[in-house]
Amino acid sequence: MSLHDSFVRFLLNSWIGRALNLIMVAINRLVPKRDNQILFESIPDFSDNPSQLYSYIKSLGTDYRMIWVVDSIRDDLDAPQYLRNTPSEFWQFLRSRYIVSSHGYHLMIRAGNQVYLNLWHGMPLKAMGYTEREPSILLPGVCDENYYLIATSTIMRNALAACFNQDARRIHITGQPRNDKLLTEGRTMDDSRTIILYTPTYRDTGRDESIFSMPDYSEEKFQDFLREHDAVFLMKLHPLDSGIRQRSGGNIRALDPSEDLYDILQGVDVLVTDYSSVYFDFLLLDRPVIFAVPDLEEYRRVRGFVLEPFEFWAPGPRVETFSDFLEELERCLEDDDYYRRERRIVNSLVNQHQDGESSRRVYELVWGD
């Protein structure tokens, strides 16, 4: 469990924590705010929706002072940076009029005179928050006029409202800023080979497993397949999930956890995932998706989905064995129309905006310029 999650549990579950939370919020309200200061934070640092919105605002040449809360300082970024969980970072939070977050940091101690923009880090497929069977943390719903949560469609707005116990009127259909990269930039990978990307969802199990967790998996057969098709297989794990063995070699390569997925996603030819909602974004490119789900029924029973039936919302072949995976992967590489109709139906339901203007919509929503 992260330090942030432990702190939130303390604030929620003990009378001392709740009293401390009230005190911190009261202090926060009393501290004068810098009206032009925007605090950004994301996991990993400088990534996802906050990073893209930051770049958009910077391109406008405004006089906003934009700062970052980070886990490690980067010398190549021209922006004030403050290490997470330090006194200087906390002071900058207290002084910021605007908070932009991908994971809800600082939300528990945010004061009502701070504008909080919750960009989150993806639209929900699997159950989370109030829709989980056994939720670990249930944040109180935030419904004041200075709180914003974004969605990509009406269906996703309703799903988020259920997950966050949120007034749907505070959820705005803008699209996700990170998807602007997919719709406005050309192929971002300097590699002429076919690119296959594997992005499994986060599993809080500390697992140490082989790729896909399929009993008939053979790395030798996979390497042969990749060489035969002049393809490279990239693995991008969730930033919090380090349990799977990240083995690089031959035509298999593990990406650095700190690398921004949306810097490479435009160059991917086939996406392989299990239950990660990144495929909702990838549908904007109308390219094949394969779902490697050997544990589908167990996952449905233990975690569950906010969108059901999974079989409808997963517009691509669903495989449980490695042999089936290779067969379906070959078909995806050879037939551009394979599952195209299903992809376009789901894409129309989850991505209302497909114009590369989500950053602009979010900016105008909050700052009104």
Protein backbone atom coordinates (compact mmCIF):
# COMPACT_ATOMS: atom_id res chain seq x y z
CA MET A 1 0.00 0.00 0.00
CA SER A 2 1.31 3.47 -0.90
CA LEU A 3 2.05 6.14 1.68
CA HIS A 4 -0.83 8.16 0.26
CA ASP A 5 -3.31 5.30 0.68
CA SER A 6 -2.12 4.67 4.23
CA PHE A 7 -2.57 8.35 5.07
CA VAL A 8 -6.06 8.43 3.54
CA ARG A 9 -7.08 5.34 5.52
CA PHE A 10 -5.83 7.01 8.70
CA LEU A 11 -7.85 10.17 7.96
CA LEU A 12 -10.98 8.16 7.20
CA ASN A 13 -10.92 5.37 9.75
CA SER A 14 -9.78 6.83 13.08
CA TRP A 15 -11.23 9.61 15.16
CA ILE A 16 -7.74 11.09 15.50
CA GLY A 17 -7.38 11.01 11.72
CA ARG A 18 -10.75 12.65 11.15
CA ALA A 19 -9.97 15.36 13.68
CA LEU A 20 -6.57 15.94 12.08
CA ASN A 21 -8.21 16.13 8.68
CA LEU A 22 -10.62 18.84 9.85
CA ILE A 23 -7.71 20.83 11.31
CA MET A 24 -5.68 20.56 8.10
CA VAL A 25 -8.63 21.64 5.95
CA ALA A 26 -9.26 24.62 8.25
CA ILE A 27 -5.60 25.67 8.04
CA ASN A 28 -5.70 25.22 4.28
CA ARG A 29 -8.69 27.53 3.98
CA LEU A 30 -6.92 30.24 6.02
CA VAL A 31 -3.68 30.21 4.01
CA PRO A 32 -3.81 32.84 1.23
CA LYS A 33 -3.79 31.35 -2.26
CA ARG A 34 -1.79 32.39 -5.28
CA ASP A 35 -4.53 32.91 -7.84
CA ASN A 36 -2.18 32.10 -10.72
CA GLN A 37 -0.59 28.94 -9.23
CA ILE A 38 -1.47 25.49 -10.59
CA LEU A 39 -0.12 22.40 -8.86
CA PHE A 40 0.22 19.28 -11.03
CA GLU A 41 0.82 15.68 -9.94
CA SER A 42 0.70 12.34 -11.69
CA ILE A 43 1.88 8.72 -11.48
CA PRO A 44 4.50 8.32 -12.88
CA ASP A 45 5.88 11.87 -12.69
CA PHE A 46 5.11 14.15 -15.65
CA SER A 47 2.75 11.71 -17.35
CA ASP A 48 -0.83 10.95 -18.29
CA ASN A 49 -3.61 13.55 -18.41
CA PRO A 50 -1.91 16.16 -16.18
CA SER A 51 1.21 16.16 -18.37
CA GLN A 52 -0.76 16.76 -21.56
CA LEU A 53 -2.85 19.52 -19.97
CA TYR A 54 0.34 21.11 -18.60
CA SER A 55 1.85 21.14 -22.10
CA TYR A 56 -1.32 22.68 -23.54
CA ILE A 57 -1.48 25.49 -20.97
CA LYS A 58 2.23 26.15 -21.41
CA SER A 59 1.72 26.46 -25.18
CA LEU A 60 -0.84 29.24 -24.58
CA GLY A 61 1.80 31.50 -23.04
CA THR A 62 -0.32 32.34 -20.00
CA ASP A 63 1.06 33.86 -16.81
CA TYR A 64 0.08 30.89 -14.66
CA ARG A 65 2.80 29.58 -12.37
CA MET A 66 2.71 25.83 -12.96
CA ILE A 67 4.50 23.58 -10.47
CA TRP A 68 4.88 19.81 -10.10
CA VAL A 69 4.79 17.47 -7.11
CA VAL A 70 7.19 14.64 -7.96
CA ASP A 71 8.87 11.55 -6.55
CA SER A 72 12.22 12.56 -8.08
CA ILE A 73 13.49 15.86 -9.46
CA ARG A 74 14.16 16.03 -13.20
CA ASP A 75 16.80 18.45 -14.44
CA ASP A 76 15.54 18.42 -18.02
CA LEU A 77 12.14 19.91 -17.19
CA ASP A 78 11.78 23.67 -17.05
CA ALA A 79 9.27 23.80 -14.20
CA PRO A 80 9.42 24.25 -10.41
CA GLN A 81 9.39 20.79 -8.80
CA TYR A 82 8.81 19.79 -5.19
CA LEU A 83 9.40 16.35 -3.72
CA ARG A 84 6.27 14.55 -2.56
CA ASN A 85 5.58 14.35 1.20
CA THR A 86 7.97 17.14 2.15
CA PRO A 87 7.22 20.40 4.02
CA SER A 88 8.00 22.50 0.93
CA GLU A 89 5.59 20.43 -1.17
CA PHE A 90 2.85 20.77 1.44
CA TRP A 91 3.35 24.52 1.61
CA GLN A 92 3.08 24.85 -2.15
CA PHE A 93 -0.14 22.84 -2.04
CA LEU A 94 -1.57 25.22 0.58
CA ARG A 95 -0.65 28.20 -1.60
CA SER A 96 -2.08 26.82 -4.85
CA ARG A 97 -5.47 27.97 -6.09
CA TYR A 98 -5.64 25.09 -8.59
CA ILE A 99 -4.84 21.39 -8.12
CA VAL A 100 -4.59 19.04 -11.11
CA SER A 101 -4.27 15.35 -10.26
CA SER A 102 -4.34 11.94 -11.93
CA HIS A 103 -4.87 9.91 -8.73
CA GLY A 104 -6.74 12.11 -6.27
CA TYR A 105 -3.75 13.22 -4.21
CA HIS A 106 -4.44 15.99 -1.68
CA LEU A 107 -8.20 15.61 -2.18
CA MET A 108 -8.82 14.74 1.47
CA ILE A 109 -7.18 17.95 2.72
CA ARG A 110 -8.22 20.25 -0.09
CA ALA A 111 -10.20 23.34 0.98
CA GLY A 112 -13.33 24.53 -0.80
CA ASN A 113 -11.56 27.68 -2.02
CA GLN A 114 -9.18 25.55 -4.07
CA VAL A 115 -10.23 24.46 -7.55
CA TYR A 116 -9.60 20.73 -7.80
CA LEU A 117 -9.41 19.17 -11.27
CA ASN A 118 -9.55 15.38 -11.02
CA LEU A 119 -8.36 14.14 -14.42
CA TRP A 120 -8.03 10.58 -13.13
CA HIS A 121 -6.07 8.03 -15.20
CA GLY A 122 -8.57 6.22 -17.36
CA MET A 123 -12.23 5.39 -17.76
CA PRO A 124 -13.60 2.52 -15.63
CA LEU A 125 -14.04 -1.01 -16.92
CA LYS A 126 -13.35 -2.93 -13.72
CA ALA A 127 -15.16 -2.10 -10.51
CA MET A 128 -13.52 0.51 -8.29
CA GLY A 129 -14.45 2.61 -5.30
CA TYR A 130 -18.11 2.30 -4.35
CA THR A 131 -18.73 -0.38 -7.00
CA GLU A 132 -16.15 -2.80 -5.58
CA ARG A 133 -17.36 -5.77 -3.57
CA GLU A 134 -14.78 -5.15 -0.83
CA PRO A 135 -13.46 -1.61 -1.29
CA SER A 136 -10.32 -0.69 0.63
CA ILE A 137 -10.86 3.09 0.57
CA LEU A 138 -14.13 4.97 0.08
CA LEU A 139 -13.60 8.68 -0.38
CA PRO A 140 -16.55 10.94 0.34
CA GLY A 141 -18.29 12.29 -2.76
CA VAL A 142 -17.22 15.84 -3.62
CA CYS A 143 -19.91 17.99 -5.20
CA ASP A 144 -19.00 21.67 -4.70
CA GLU A 145 -18.62 24.08 -7.59
CA ASN A 146 -14.81 24.09 -7.38
CA TYR A 147 -14.46 20.35 -8.02
CA TYR A 148 -14.29 18.88 -11.52
CA LEU A 149 -14.11 15.30 -12.73
CA ILE A 150 -13.92 14.49 -16.45
CA ALA A 151 -15.32 11.69 -18.59
CA THR A 152 -15.24 10.61 -22.23
CA SER A 153 -18.95 9.90 -22.79
CA THR A 154 -22.34 9.78 -21.09
CA ILE A 155 -21.89 6.09 -20.29
CA MET A 156 -18.51 6.78 -18.71
CA ARG A 157 -19.90 9.73 -16.76
CA ASN A 158 -22.52 7.46 -15.21
CA ALA A 159 -19.93 4.77 -14.47
CA LEU A 160 -17.65 7.30 -12.76
CA ALA A 161 -20.57 8.70 -10.77
CA ALA A 162 -21.21 5.21 -9.37
CA CYS A 163 -17.53 4.53 -8.65
CA PHE A 164 -16.90 7.85 -6.89
CA ASN A 165 -20.32 8.35 -5.26
CA GLN A 166 -20.30 11.53 -7.28
CA ASP A 167 -22.98 13.96 -8.41
CA ALA A 168 -22.96 13.40 -12.17
CA ARG A 169 -23.45 17.14 -12.70
CA ARG A 170 -19.85 17.62 -11.52
CA ILE A 171 -18.59 15.18 -14.16
CA HIS A 172 -17.94 16.79 -17.52
CA ILE A 173 -17.68 15.09 -20.90
CA THR A 174 -14.51 16.62 -22.28
CA GLY A 175 -12.48 13.61 -23.34
CA GLN A 176 -9.08 12.87 -21.82
CA PRO A 177 -6.20 15.26 -22.59
CA ARG A 178 -3.76 12.37 -22.97
CA ASN A 179 -5.69 11.14 -26.01
CA ASP A 180 -4.90 14.33 -27.90
CA LYS A 181 -1.50 12.76 -28.59
CA LEU A 182 -3.15 9.81 -30.31
CA LEU A 183 -5.27 12.01 -32.57
CA THR A 184 -2.88 14.83 -33.47
CA GLU A 185 0.59 13.23 -33.67
CA GLY A 186 1.99 10.87 -36.27
CA ARG A 187 3.60 7.50 -35.58
CA THR A 188 5.81 8.12 -32.58
CA MET A 189 8.09 5.08 -32.70
CA ASP A 190 11.13 4.96 -34.97
CA ASP A 191 10.78 1.26 -35.71
CA SER A 192 9.72 -0.27 -39.01
CA ARG A 193 8.77 -3.56 -37.38
CA THR A 194 5.26 -4.50 -36.28
CA ILE A 195 4.78 -3.22 -32.72
CA ILE A 196 2.76 -5.32 -30.27
CA LEU A 197 2.19 -3.77 -26.85
CA TYR A 198 1.17 -5.66 -23.72
CA THR A 199 -0.45 -3.59 -20.94
CA PRO A 200 -1.86 -5.75 -18.12
CA THR A 201 -3.94 -4.16 -15.41
CA TYR A 202 -2.64 -3.58 -11.89
CA ARG A 203 -2.82 -6.57 -9.58
CA ASP A 204 -2.17 -5.93 -5.90
CA THR A 205 -0.86 -9.47 -5.36
CA GLY A 206 2.93 -9.20 -5.45
CA ARG A 207 2.80 -11.88 -8.12
CA ASP A 208 5.88 -13.20 -9.85
CA GLU A 209 4.54 -14.77 -12.99
CA SER A 210 5.39 -15.40 -16.62
CA ILE A 211 3.92 -13.33 -19.44
CA PHE A 212 0.12 -13.74 -19.64
CA SER A 213 0.03 -16.28 -16.74
CA MET A 214 -0.84 -19.00 -19.26
CA PRO A 215 0.25 -22.56 -18.40
CA ASP A 216 1.24 -23.41 -21.99
CA TYR A 217 3.33 -20.26 -22.50
CA SER A 218 6.61 -20.89 -24.30
CA GLU A 219 9.06 -18.05 -24.69
CA GLU A 220 10.94 -19.99 -27.36
CA LYS A 221 7.80 -20.34 -29.48
CA PHE A 222 6.95 -16.70 -28.91
CA GLN A 223 10.38 -15.50 -29.99
CA ASP A 224 10.13 -17.64 -33.12
CA PHE A 225 6.71 -16.16 -33.89
CA LEU A 226 7.95 -12.60 -33.43
CA ARG A 227 10.99 -13.13 -35.65
CA GLU A 228 8.87 -14.77 -38.34
CA HIS A 229 6.52 -11.78 -38.42
CA ASP A 230 9.26 -9.14 -38.00
CA ALA A 231 7.57 -7.94 -34.83
CA VAL A 232 8.66 -6.62 -31.45
CA PHE A 233 6.69 -7.29 -28.26
CA LEU A 234 6.74 -4.46 -25.71
CA MET A 235 5.62 -4.89 -22.11
CA LYS A 236 4.36 -1.88 -20.18
CA LEU A 237 3.36 -2.73 -16.63
CA HIS A 238 1.26 -0.60 -14.34
CA PRO A 239 3.57 1.80 -12.43
CA LEU A 240 2.56 0.19 -9.11
CA ASP A 241 2.89 -3.42 -10.28
CA SER A 242 6.43 -4.76 -10.23
CA GLY A 243 5.61 -8.39 -9.57
CA ILE A 244 5.69 -9.80 -13.09
CA ARG A 245 9.15 -10.71 -14.28
CA GLN A 246 10.19 -8.12 -16.84
CA ARG A 247 12.43 -10.13 -19.10
CA SER A 248 13.96 -8.38 -22.08
CA GLY A 249 15.71 -10.26 -24.83
CA GLY A 250 15.38 -11.04 -28.47
CA ASN A 251 12.17 -9.46 -29.77
CA ILE A 252 10.69 -9.00 -26.29
CA ARG A 253 11.40 -5.74 -24.49
CA ALA A 254 10.18 -4.36 -21.17
CA LEU A 255 9.56 -0.63 -21.11
CA ASP A 256 10.72 1.49 -18.22
CA PRO A 257 7.84 1.99 -15.74
CA SER A 258 8.46 5.74 -15.83
CA GLU A 259 7.97 5.95 -19.61
CA ASP A 260 4.76 7.72 -20.61
CA LEU A 261 2.58 5.18 -22.40
CA TYR A 262 1.00 7.91 -24.53
CA ASP A 263 4.35 8.81 -26.03
CA ILE A 264 4.42 5.40 -27.76
CA LEU A 265 0.80 4.27 -28.10
CA GLN A 266 0.28 5.97 -31.46
CA GLY A 267 2.98 3.73 -32.95
CA VAL A 268 1.45 0.45 -31.73
CA ASP A 269 -0.06 -1.93 -34.30
CA VAL A 270 -1.73 -4.44 -31.93
CA LEU A 271 -2.62 -3.95 -28.27
CA VAL A 272 -2.72 -6.90 -25.89
CA THR A 273 -4.31 -6.43 -22.49
CA ASP A 274 -6.46 -8.16 -19.91
CA TYR A 275 -8.67 -5.66 -18.08
CA SER A 276 -6.73 -2.41 -18.43
CA SER A 277 -8.97 0.38 -19.69
CA VAL A 278 -6.15 1.73 -21.85
CA TYR A 279 -7.83 -0.14 -24.70
CA PHE A 280 -10.72 2.37 -24.57
CA ASP A 281 -8.18 4.99 -25.68
CA PHE A 282 -6.56 2.68 -28.24
CA LEU A 283 -9.96 2.23 -29.92
CA LEU A 284 -9.56 5.78 -31.22
CA LEU A 285 -6.92 4.40 -33.59
CA ASP A 286 -9.18 1.58 -34.85
CA ARG A 287 -6.45 -1.05 -34.52
CA PRO A 288 -6.71 -4.62 -33.21
CA VAL A 289 -6.98 -5.45 -29.51
CA ILE A 290 -6.50 -8.91 -28.03
CA PHE A 291 -7.72 -9.75 -24.52
CA ALA A 292 -5.54 -12.30 -22.70
CA VAL A 293 -7.96 -13.35 -19.94
CA PRO A 294 -7.22 -16.85 -18.60
CA ASP A 295 -8.72 -15.80 -15.24
CA LEU A 296 -11.84 -14.02 -16.51
CA GLU A 297 -14.39 -15.81 -14.32
CA GLU A 298 -12.23 -15.52 -11.21
CA TYR A 299 -11.61 -11.83 -11.87
CA ARG A 300 -15.30 -11.24 -12.44
CA ARG A 301 -16.11 -12.97 -9.14
CA VAL A 302 -13.40 -11.33 -7.01
CA ARG A 303 -13.08 -7.82 -8.49
CA GLY A 304 -15.96 -7.48 -10.90
CA PHE A 305 -16.68 -5.00 -13.68
CA VAL A 306 -18.56 -1.75 -13.69
CA LEU A 307 -19.44 -2.41 -17.34
CA GLU A 308 -21.08 -5.75 -18.10
CA PRO A 309 -21.16 -8.00 -19.94
CA PHE A 310 -17.39 -7.92 -20.35
CA GLU A 311 -17.73 -9.90 -23.57
CA PHE A 312 -19.57 -6.97 -25.20
CA TRP A 313 -17.24 -4.27 -23.94
CA ALA A 314 -14.12 -6.20 -25.03
CA PRO A 315 -14.18 -5.81 -28.84
CA GLY A 316 -11.51 -8.29 -29.81
CA PRO A 317 -10.61 -11.96 -29.50
CA ARG A 318 -10.52 -13.23 -25.91
CA VAL A 319 -7.93 -15.95 -25.29
CA GLU A 320 -7.18 -18.21 -22.36
CA THR A 321 -4.27 -20.25 -23.73
CA PHE A 322 -1.01 -19.27 -25.35
CA SER A 323 -1.69 -21.37 -28.44
CA ASP A 324 -4.98 -19.53 -28.96
CA PHE A 325 -3.18 -16.23 -28.43
CA LEU A 326 -0.69 -16.93 -31.23
CA GLU A 327 -3.50 -17.98 -33.54
CA GLU A 328 -5.54 -14.85 -32.87
CA LEU A 329 -2.49 -12.59 -33.05
CA GLU A 330 -1.64 -13.93 -36.49
CA ARG A 331 -5.17 -13.30 -37.68
CA CYS A 332 -5.08 -9.74 -36.34
CA LEU A 333 -1.85 -9.10 -38.21
CA GLU A 334 -3.27 -10.47 -41.47
CA ASP A 335 -6.85 -9.12 -41.41
CA ASP A 336 -7.46 -5.42 -40.76
CA ASP A 337 -11.22 -5.98 -40.65
CA TYR A 338 -11.09 -8.60 -37.90
CA TYR A 339 -13.40 -7.33 -35.09
CA ARG A 340 -13.51 -3.88 -36.71
CA ARG A 341 -17.29 -3.60 -36.46
CA GLU A 342 -17.21 -4.44 -32.73
CA ARG A 343 -14.37 -1.98 -32.12
CA ARG A 344 -16.24 0.86 -33.76
CA ILE A 345 -19.44 0.17 -31.83
CA VAL A 346 -17.66 0.26 -28.46
CA ASN A 347 -15.57 3.26 -29.50
CA SER A 348 -18.74 5.21 -30.32
CA LEU A 349 -20.08 4.45 -26.84
CA VAL A 350 -16.99 5.31 -24.80
CA ASN A 351 -15.35 8.12 -26.82
CA GLN A 352 -17.78 10.92 -27.59
CA HIS A 353 -15.02 13.34 -28.66
CA GLN A 354 -12.58 12.11 -31.30
CA ASP A 355 -11.03 15.38 -32.45
CA GLY A 356 -7.82 15.85 -30.44
CA GLU A 357 -9.28 18.88 -28.62
CA SER A 358 -9.77 17.47 -25.13
CA SER A 359 -7.05 19.61 -23.53
CA ARG A 360 -8.73 22.72 -24.87
CA ARG A 361 -12.13 21.64 -23.55
CA VAL A 362 -10.72 20.92 -20.09
CA TYR A 363 -8.90 24.26 -20.00
CA GLU A 364 -12.00 26.19 -21.03
CA LEU A 365 -14.12 24.29 -18.53
CA VAL A 366 -11.95 25.26 -15.56
CA TRP A 367 -10.30 28.53 -16.54
CA GLY A 368 -13.00 29.80 -18.88
CA ASP A 369 -10.67 31.41 -21.42
